[in-house]
Protein backbone atom coordinates (compact mmCIF):
# COMPACT_ATOMS: atom_id res chain seq x y z
CA MET A 1 0.12 0.04 0.01
CA ILE A 2 1.47 3.61 -1.07
CA LEU A 3 0.16 6.37 1.12
CA ASP A 4 -0.32 9.92 -0.54
CA TYR A 5 2.49 12.18 0.11
CA GLU A 6 0.52 14.95 2.01
CA ILE A 7 -0.89 12.13 4.11
CA LEU A 8 2.45 10.80 4.83
CA LYS A 9 3.88 14.06 5.75
CA PHE A 10 1.13 14.44 8.44
CA ILE A 11 1.80 10.98 9.87
CA TRP A 12 5.48 11.66 10.22
CA TRP A 13 4.30 14.93 12.08
CA ALA A 14 2.51 12.87 14.41
CA LEU A 15 4.95 10.27 14.53
CA VAL A 16 7.88 12.66 15.53
CA GLY A 17 5.56 13.89 18.42
CA THR A 18 5.01 10.69 19.68
CA LEU A 19 8.51 9.98 19.60
CA LEU A 20 9.16 12.80 21.87
CA ILE A 21 6.07 12.08 24.35
CA GLY A 22 7.53 8.70 24.69
CA PHE A 23 10.92 10.15 25.21
CA ALA A 24 9.74 12.63 28.09
CA ILE A 25 7.69 9.68 29.46
CA THR A 26 10.52 6.99 29.91
CA ASP A 27 13.73 9.20 29.80
CA GLY A 28 12.04 12.12 31.64
CA MET A 29 11.26 9.89 34.63
CA ASP A 30 14.93 8.93 34.77
CA MET A 31 16.15 12.49 34.59
CA GLY A 32 13.33 13.79 36.82
CA ALA A 33 14.70 10.88 39.55
CA GLY A 34 18.38 12.50 39.06
CA ASN A 35 16.76 16.21 39.69
CA LEU A 36 15.70 14.82 42.93
CA LEU A 37 18.90 12.68 43.73
CA PRO A 38 20.50 14.96 45.81
CA PHE A 39 17.29 15.88 47.99
CA VAL A 40 15.58 12.90 48.45
CA GLY A 41 18.55 10.76 49.24
CA LYS A 42 19.77 12.07 52.58
CA LYS A 43 22.17 9.27 53.39
CA ASP A 44 24.38 7.33 50.95
CA GLU A 45 22.24 4.17 51.04
CA GLU A 46 19.00 6.27 50.15
CA ARG A 47 20.75 7.71 47.08
CA ARG A 48 21.93 4.38 45.87
CA VAL A 49 18.14 3.52 46.27
CA VAL A 50 17.23 6.35 43.83
CA ILE A 51 20.28 5.31 41.34
CA ASN A 52 19.13 1.64 41.26
CA VAL A 53 15.57 2.60 40.42
CA VAL A 54 16.57 3.81 37.22
CA GLY A 55 19.94 2.41 36.57
CA PRO A 56 18.73 -0.78 35.00
CA HIS A 57 16.71 1.07 32.55
CA TRP A 58 18.00 4.45 31.64
CA ASP A 59 20.21 3.47 28.37
CA GLY A 60 17.16 1.62 26.96
CA ASN A 61 14.86 5.06 27.80
CA GLN A 62 17.49 6.98 25.98
CA VAL A 63 16.89 5.43 22.84
CA TRP A 64 13.75 7.32 22.37
CA PHE A 65 15.90 10.44 22.46
CA ILE A 66 18.20 9.00 19.67
CA THR A 67 15.28 7.47 17.65
CA ALA A 68 13.40 10.97 17.74
CA GLY A 69 16.51 12.73 16.93
CA GLY A 70 17.00 10.30 14.00
CA ALA A 71 13.46 10.59 12.70
CA ILE A 72 13.75 14.45 12.45
CA PHE A 73 16.73 14.07 10.45
CA ALA A 74 15.33 11.44 8.14
CA ALA A 75 11.77 13.13 7.68
CA TRP A 76 12.90 16.68 8.17
CA PRO A 77 16.37 17.25 6.96
CA ALA A 78 16.09 21.09 6.40
CA ALA A 79 14.94 21.75 9.67
CA TYR A 80 17.52 19.45 11.25
CA ALA A 81 20.30 21.36 9.38
CA ALA A 82 18.74 24.68 10.41
CA ALA A 83 18.41 23.36 13.98
CA PHE A 84 22.11 22.63 14.28
CA SER A 85 22.84 26.12 13.34
CA GLY A 86 20.78 28.11 15.74
CA PHE A 87 20.78 25.49 18.76
CA TYR A 88 24.28 24.30 18.39
CA MET A 89 25.73 25.44 21.68
CA ALA A 90 22.52 24.26 23.34
CA MET A 91 23.00 20.74 22.01
CA LEU A 92 26.37 20.67 22.98
CA LEU A 93 25.56 21.70 26.33
CA VAL A 94 22.87 18.99 26.63
CA LEU A 95 25.08 16.70 25.33
CA PHE A 96 28.10 17.32 27.72
CA ALA A 97 25.77 17.01 30.64
CA LEU A 98 24.29 13.63 29.33
CA PHE A 99 28.02 12.50 29.68
CA PHE A 100 27.62 12.48 33.55
CA ARG A 101 24.67 9.84 33.34
CA PRO A 102 26.71 6.52 31.89
CA VAL A 103 29.82 7.26 33.86
CA GLY A 104 27.97 8.23 37.11
CA PHE A 105 25.97 5.24 37.08
CA ASP A 106 28.48 2.95 36.68
CA TYR A 107 31.30 4.79 38.62
CA ARG A 108 29.68 6.38 41.43
CA SER A 109 29.55 3.65 43.89
CA LYS A 110 32.77 2.02 42.88
CA ILE A 111 34.70 3.87 45.46
CA GLU A 112 33.83 4.01 49.12
CA SER A 113 34.80 8.14 49.38
CA PRO A 114 32.06 10.68 50.77
CA LYS A 115 33.71 13.21 48.42
CA TRP A 116 33.79 11.00 45.55
CA ARG A 117 30.00 9.93 45.82
CA LYS A 118 29.07 13.37 46.64
CA ALA A 119 30.42 14.68 43.39
CA TRP A 120 28.84 12.28 41.18
CA ASP A 121 25.45 12.65 42.88
CA TRP A 122 25.63 16.21 41.47
CA GLY A 123 27.16 15.35 38.42
CA LEU A 124 23.95 12.83 37.87
CA PHE A 125 21.77 15.90 38.83
CA ALA A 126 23.46 17.95 36.32
CA GLY A 127 23.08 15.10 33.91
CA GLY A 128 19.16 15.68 34.28
CA ALA A 129 18.62 19.23 35.18
CA ILE A 130 20.36 21.03 32.38
CA PRO A 131 18.49 18.83 29.32
CA SER A 132 15.30 19.24 31.25
CA LEU A 133 15.88 23.16 31.27
CA ILE A 134 17.13 23.43 27.75
CA PHE A 135 14.38 21.06 25.96
CA GLY A 136 11.77 23.69 27.52
CA VAL A 137 14.04 26.63 26.50
CA ALA A 138 14.19 25.23 22.65
CA PHE A 139 10.39 25.18 22.77
CA GLY A 140 10.17 28.73 23.81
CA ASN A 141 12.52 29.91 21.24
CA LEU A 142 10.82 27.73 18.49
CA LEU A 143 7.39 29.70 19.75
CA GLN A 144 9.10 32.81 19.24
CA GLY A 145 10.90 32.26 15.81
CA VAL A 146 14.52 31.17 15.12
CA PRO A 147 16.94 34.02 13.65
CA PHE A 148 17.52 31.95 10.27
CA TYR A 149 16.79 32.55 6.71
CA LEU A 150 17.10 30.40 3.57
CA ASP A 151 18.85 31.74 0.59
CA GLU A 152 17.91 31.21 -3.26
CA PHE A 153 19.45 27.78 -2.88
CA LEU A 154 17.44 26.66 0.19
CA LYS A 155 20.70 26.66 2.32
CA PRO A 156 20.01 27.99 5.88
CA HIS A 157 21.65 30.76 7.62
CA TYR A 158 21.73 31.71 11.07
CA GLN A 159 22.24 35.22 12.41
CA GLY A 160 24.59 35.36 15.24
CA SER A 161 27.85 34.48 16.62
CA LEU A 162 28.56 30.89 17.36
CA LEU A 163 30.15 31.57 20.77
CA MET A 164 27.33 33.91 21.82
CA ALA A 165 24.63 31.64 20.20
CA LEU A 166 23.50 30.27 23.84
CA LEU A 167 22.77 33.66 25.33
CA PRO A 168 19.88 34.72 23.10
CA LEU A 169 17.98 31.70 23.57
CA LEU A 170 17.87 32.30 27.37
CA ASN A 171 15.11 34.94 27.09
CA PRO A 172 12.38 35.34 29.86
CA PHE A 173 9.66 33.33 27.71
CA ALA A 174 12.12 30.70 26.89
CA LEU A 175 13.43 30.43 30.43
CA LEU A 176 9.64 30.00 31.73
CA CYS A 177 9.28 27.24 29.20
CA GLY A 178 12.44 25.82 30.44
CA VAL A 179 10.92 26.00 34.23
CA ILE A 180 7.87 24.19 33.01
CA SER A 181 9.91 21.55 31.45
CA PHE A 182 12.15 20.93 34.19
CA ALA A 183 9.22 21.08 37.01
CA MET A 184 7.28 18.70 34.58
CA LEU A 185 10.13 15.94 34.37
CA THR A 186 10.78 16.29 37.79
CA MET A 187 7.36 15.93 39.12
CA HIS A 188 7.23 12.86 36.95
CA GLY A 189 10.35 11.20 38.29
CA GLY A 190 8.95 11.82 41.90
CA VAL A 191 6.11 9.89 40.85
CA TRP A 192 8.07 7.03 39.69
CA LEU A 193 10.30 7.28 42.63
CA GLN A 194 7.19 7.23 45.11
CA LEU A 195 5.84 3.98 43.17
CA ARG A 196 9.38 2.34 43.17
CA THR A 197 10.75 2.81 46.75
CA GLU A 198 9.68 2.68 50.36
CA GLY A 199 10.11 4.68 53.50
CA GLU A 200 11.78 8.15 53.58
CA VAL A 201 12.63 8.39 49.88
CA ALA A 202 9.06 7.70 48.81
CA THR A 203 8.04 10.34 51.59
CA ARG A 204 10.20 13.00 50.31
CA SER A 205 9.36 12.12 46.61
CA LYS A 206 5.62 12.49 47.35
CA LYS A 207 6.53 15.96 48.74
CA ALA A 208 8.35 16.92 45.73
CA VAL A 209 5.94 15.89 43.25
CA THR A 210 3.27 18.30 45.13
CA ILE A 211 6.03 21.29 44.79
CA MET A 212 6.91 20.47 41.17
CA GLY A 213 3.24 19.75 40.17
CA PHE A 214 2.00 23.12 41.58
CA ILE A 215 5.06 24.81 39.48
CA THR A 216 4.21 23.05 36.35
CA LEU A 217 0.64 23.90 36.37
CA ILE A 218 1.12 27.71 37.37
CA GLY A 219 3.99 27.51 34.81
CA PHE A 220 2.14 26.13 31.88
CA ILE A 221 -0.99 28.51 32.53
CA LEU A 222 1.13 31.61 32.63
CA GLY A 223 2.80 30.49 29.42
CA GLY A 224 -0.64 29.99 27.63
CA VAL A 225 -1.58 33.78 28.70
CA TRP A 226 1.64 34.63 27.40
CA VAL A 227 1.57 32.98 23.99
CA ALA A 228 -1.90 34.38 23.77
CA TYR A 229 -1.26 37.93 24.70
CA GLY A 230 2.88 38.33 24.89
CA ILE A 231 4.27 37.06 21.80
CA ASP A 232 3.29 37.10 17.94
CA GLY A 233 2.59 33.98 16.44
CA TYR A 234 2.80 32.55 12.82
CA ARG A 235 0.18 31.52 10.28
CA VAL A 236 0.39 30.48 6.18
CA ILE A 237 -1.30 33.02 4.23
CA THR A 238 -0.69 31.34 0.71
CA GLN A 239 1.16 28.22 0.01
CA PRO A 240 1.40 25.71 -2.86
CA ALA A 241 -0.51 22.30 -3.51
CA LEU A 242 0.20 19.98 -0.68
CA ASP A 243 1.19 17.22 -3.09
CA ALA A 244 3.75 19.65 -4.79
CA LEU A 245 7.47 19.13 -4.43
CA PRO A 246 8.71 20.45 -1.06
CA ASN A 247 10.04 24.36 -1.38
CA PRO A 248 10.05 26.48 1.90
CA LEU A 249 10.13 29.70 -0.10
CA ALA A 250 6.84 28.81 -2.09
CA LYS A 251 4.45 30.15 0.66
CA GLN A 252 3.72 33.52 2.42
CA VAL A 253 3.75 33.86 6.19
CA GLU A 254 2.05 36.36 8.28
CA VAL A 255 3.02 37.26 11.87
CA ALA A 256 0.73 38.54 14.16
CA PRO A 257 -0.56 38.42 17.68
CA GLY A 258 -2.41 35.37 18.81
CA ALA A 259 -1.81 33.51 15.81
CA TRP A 260 -0.42 30.42 17.67
CA LEU A 261 -4.20 30.31 18.83
CA ASP A 262 -5.54 29.66 15.49
CA ILE A 263 -5.52 25.99 15.73
CA TYR A 264 -8.18 25.97 18.70
CA SER A 265 -10.70 27.98 16.71
CA ASN A 266 -10.10 26.08 13.42
CA TYR A 267 -10.28 22.60 15.06
CA PRO A 268 -11.97 22.86 18.34
CA VAL A 269 -10.98 19.18 19.25
CA ALA A 270 -7.11 20.67 19.69
CA ILE A 271 -8.45 22.00 23.12
CA VAL A 272 -8.33 18.47 24.47
CA ALA A 273 -4.18 18.79 24.59
CA PRO A 274 -4.11 21.92 27.27
CA ILE A 275 -7.21 20.66 29.08
CA ALA A 276 -5.36 17.19 29.63
CA GLY A 277 -2.23 19.10 30.77
CA ILE A 278 -3.97 21.22 33.23
CA PHE A 279 -6.21 18.36 34.59
CA GLY A 280 -3.34 15.94 34.24
CA VAL A 281 -1.10 17.88 36.44
CA ALA A 282 -3.71 18.73 39.12
CA ILE A 283 -4.85 14.82 39.41
CA THR A 284 -1.47 13.60 39.54
CA VAL A 285 -0.58 15.59 42.61
CA LEU A 286 -4.05 14.75 44.27
CA LEU A 287 -3.59 10.99 43.49
CA SER A 288 0.19 11.38 44.69
CA ARG A 289 -0.96 12.71 48.03
CA ALA A 290 -3.39 10.10 48.56
CA GLY A 291 -0.60 7.49 48.01
CA ARG A 292 -1.90 6.11 44.61
CA ALA A 293 1.47 6.27 42.82
CA GLY A 294 0.41 3.89 40.05
CA PHE A 295 -2.42 6.01 38.86
CA ALA A 296 -0.30 9.17 39.52
CA PHE A 297 2.19 7.66 37.05
CA VAL A 298 -0.56 7.30 34.61
CA THR A 299 -2.03 10.81 34.82
CA SER A 300 1.63 12.21 34.84
CA SER A 301 2.46 10.67 31.55
CA LEU A 302 -1.13 11.92 30.30
CA ALA A 303 0.02 15.72 31.40
CA MET A 304 3.19 15.63 30.00
CA ALA A 305 1.62 14.37 26.70
CA GLY A 306 -0.83 17.11 26.87
CA ILE A 307 1.66 19.73 27.38
CA ILE A 308 4.07 18.63 24.67
CA ALA A 309 1.00 18.36 22.20
CA THR A 310 -0.26 21.67 22.99
CA ALA A 311 3.15 22.93 22.14
CA GLY A 312 3.05 21.01 18.81
CA LEU A 313 -0.57 21.62 17.92
CA SER A 314 -0.33 25.62 18.80
CA MET A 315 2.55 25.56 16.00
CA PHE A 316 1.28 23.79 13.35
CA PRO A 317 2.00 23.04 10.44
CA PHE A 318 5.10 25.06 11.43
CA ILE A 319 8.15 22.97 12.40
CA MET A 320 10.77 25.94 12.94
CA PRO A 321 9.55 29.48 12.28
CA SER A 322 12.19 32.01 11.08
CA SER A 323 12.22 35.52 12.91
CA LEU A 324 14.20 37.12 10.31
CA LYS A 325 12.18 36.16 6.96
CA PRO A 326 9.04 34.55 8.26
CA ASP A 327 8.67 32.92 4.39
CA SER A 328 11.38 31.03 5.03
CA SER A 329 9.54 29.20 7.93
CA LEU A 330 9.76 25.42 7.78
CA THR A 331 6.52 23.72 7.76
CA LEU A 332 5.76 19.95 7.78
CA TRP A 333 4.32 20.28 4.15
CA ASP A 334 7.54 21.85 2.76
CA ALA A 335 10.40 20.66 4.96
CA SER A 336 9.89 17.04 4.62
CA SER A 337 12.05 14.27 2.65
CA SER A 338 11.04 12.67 -0.64
CA HIS A 339 7.61 10.43 -0.73
CA LEU A 340 9.97 7.35 -1.12
CA THR A 341 11.98 8.29 2.10
CA LEU A 342 9.02 8.98 3.95
CA THR A 343 7.32 5.64 2.74
CA ILE A 344 10.51 3.33 3.86
CA MET A 345 10.54 4.81 6.83
CA PHE A 346 7.06 4.52 7.85
CA TRP A 347 7.25 0.85 7.28
CA ALA A 348 10.24 0.68 9.10
CA VAL A 349 8.05 2.15 11.92
CA VAL A 350 5.26 -0.22 11.58
CA ILE A 351 7.34 -3.31 11.75
CA PHE A 352 10.16 -2.42 14.50
CA LEU A 353 8.11 -0.02 17.05
CA PRO A 354 5.94 -2.79 18.16
CA ILE A 355 8.86 -4.76 18.85
CA VAL A 356 10.80 -2.13 20.68
CA LEU A 357 7.49 -1.44 22.63
CA LEU A 358 7.09 -5.34 23.64
CA TYR A 359 10.86 -5.53 24.51
CA THR A 360 10.79 -2.73 26.71
CA LEU A 361 7.64 -3.84 28.46
CA TRP A 362 9.06 -7.29 29.13
CA CYS A 363 12.25 -5.63 30.70
CA TYR A 364 10.27 -3.62 33.04
CA THR A 365 8.15 -6.53 33.98
CA ARG A 366 11.09 -8.79 34.82
CA MET A 367 12.93 -6.35 36.81
CA TRP A 368 9.95 -4.95 38.53
CA GLY A 369 9.63 -4.34 42.19
CA LYS A 370 10.25 -1.90 45.15
CA VAL A 371 14.20 -1.02 45.58
CA THR A 372 14.68 -0.77 49.04
CA VAL A 373 17.69 0.18 51.65
CA GLU A 374 17.79 -3.27 52.93
CA GLU A 375 18.21 -4.69 49.50
CA ILE A 376 21.01 -2.28 48.81
CA GLU A 377 22.87 -3.01 52.08
CA ARG A 378 22.54 -6.71 51.03
CA ARG A 379 23.76 -6.40 47.75
CA ALA A 380 26.29 -3.47 48.26
CA HIS A 381 28.79 -4.82 45.75
CA MET A 382 26.42 -5.67 43.00
CA ALA A 383 24.18 -2.48 43.13
CA TYR A 384 24.87 0.68 41.26
């Protein structure tokens, strides 16, 4: 079966969004647990409990991040090229922060030195906190537009110095989005720790869920108001036929206040996403405080899916808006790979994604159970 080109473009937009949500749910709980490591674990054994909750699965969960990046490269090569120009320093910062995770998990408990272990505890914190913040900052800058343009050969040009490329990204709205991302993932990690631990670690994690849930909720609502009244959005005025060969310069784009809200008037069903984000966070906090961590994990996942989907739907059909020349903005219709490439990748996903999901489920089933201080003390030379 051969799908129409425009249908494939939309499918891949949805698939990339699904991969990002899958990354947030799986690896997000690992990064969130790392964000809480120095705070919910007061003693060395308690911190080892936190590490051993995420240690067996973190590298498998990281595959979602790698897969999402590969999907963006294959499905939207033009957006991938432009992103590496505009977010190069931010991506390097995330990469360097992630270096702490594999080394920290494997070597942190190999030496019985308080200074050694404490240093790696903060390294693991940085390995979760910095990416958690930068991912939100990146989304905040996408909503404001990225300073790039396309020349007549469709080559992207970024305005700004490479060494100073990080500072303009840290603007007030982007930092708010970064706080939302950090708090959201930390809340999710707290729920995961509450579900998988006992005693003081679980109690402190429950308190963290309440605090981070409150920050996420307030930040998400404030961000919505800011998008509606504080920044200009983008909308396509004219564009060629959707089944035409991709050409980002063949359309006209308007920048106008409130344009990011067009999706909710054109397709009212899209309002489900922000509603899921708001009520998902609120219900997660209530379930966590009631000690129903299993249900809280489900609602926390729903909340993150709603928040990420809200950003994606608000920008639809844009992938990377241009603040320099709006007509150079990249959309899912004109930044996609060829029909053949999208078709081959689609069938690869149909075949292999269920296998990956089943294997991941099998891993969690085989290694399920609560991690306790007593278990860490009993397996001191084997545990992380």
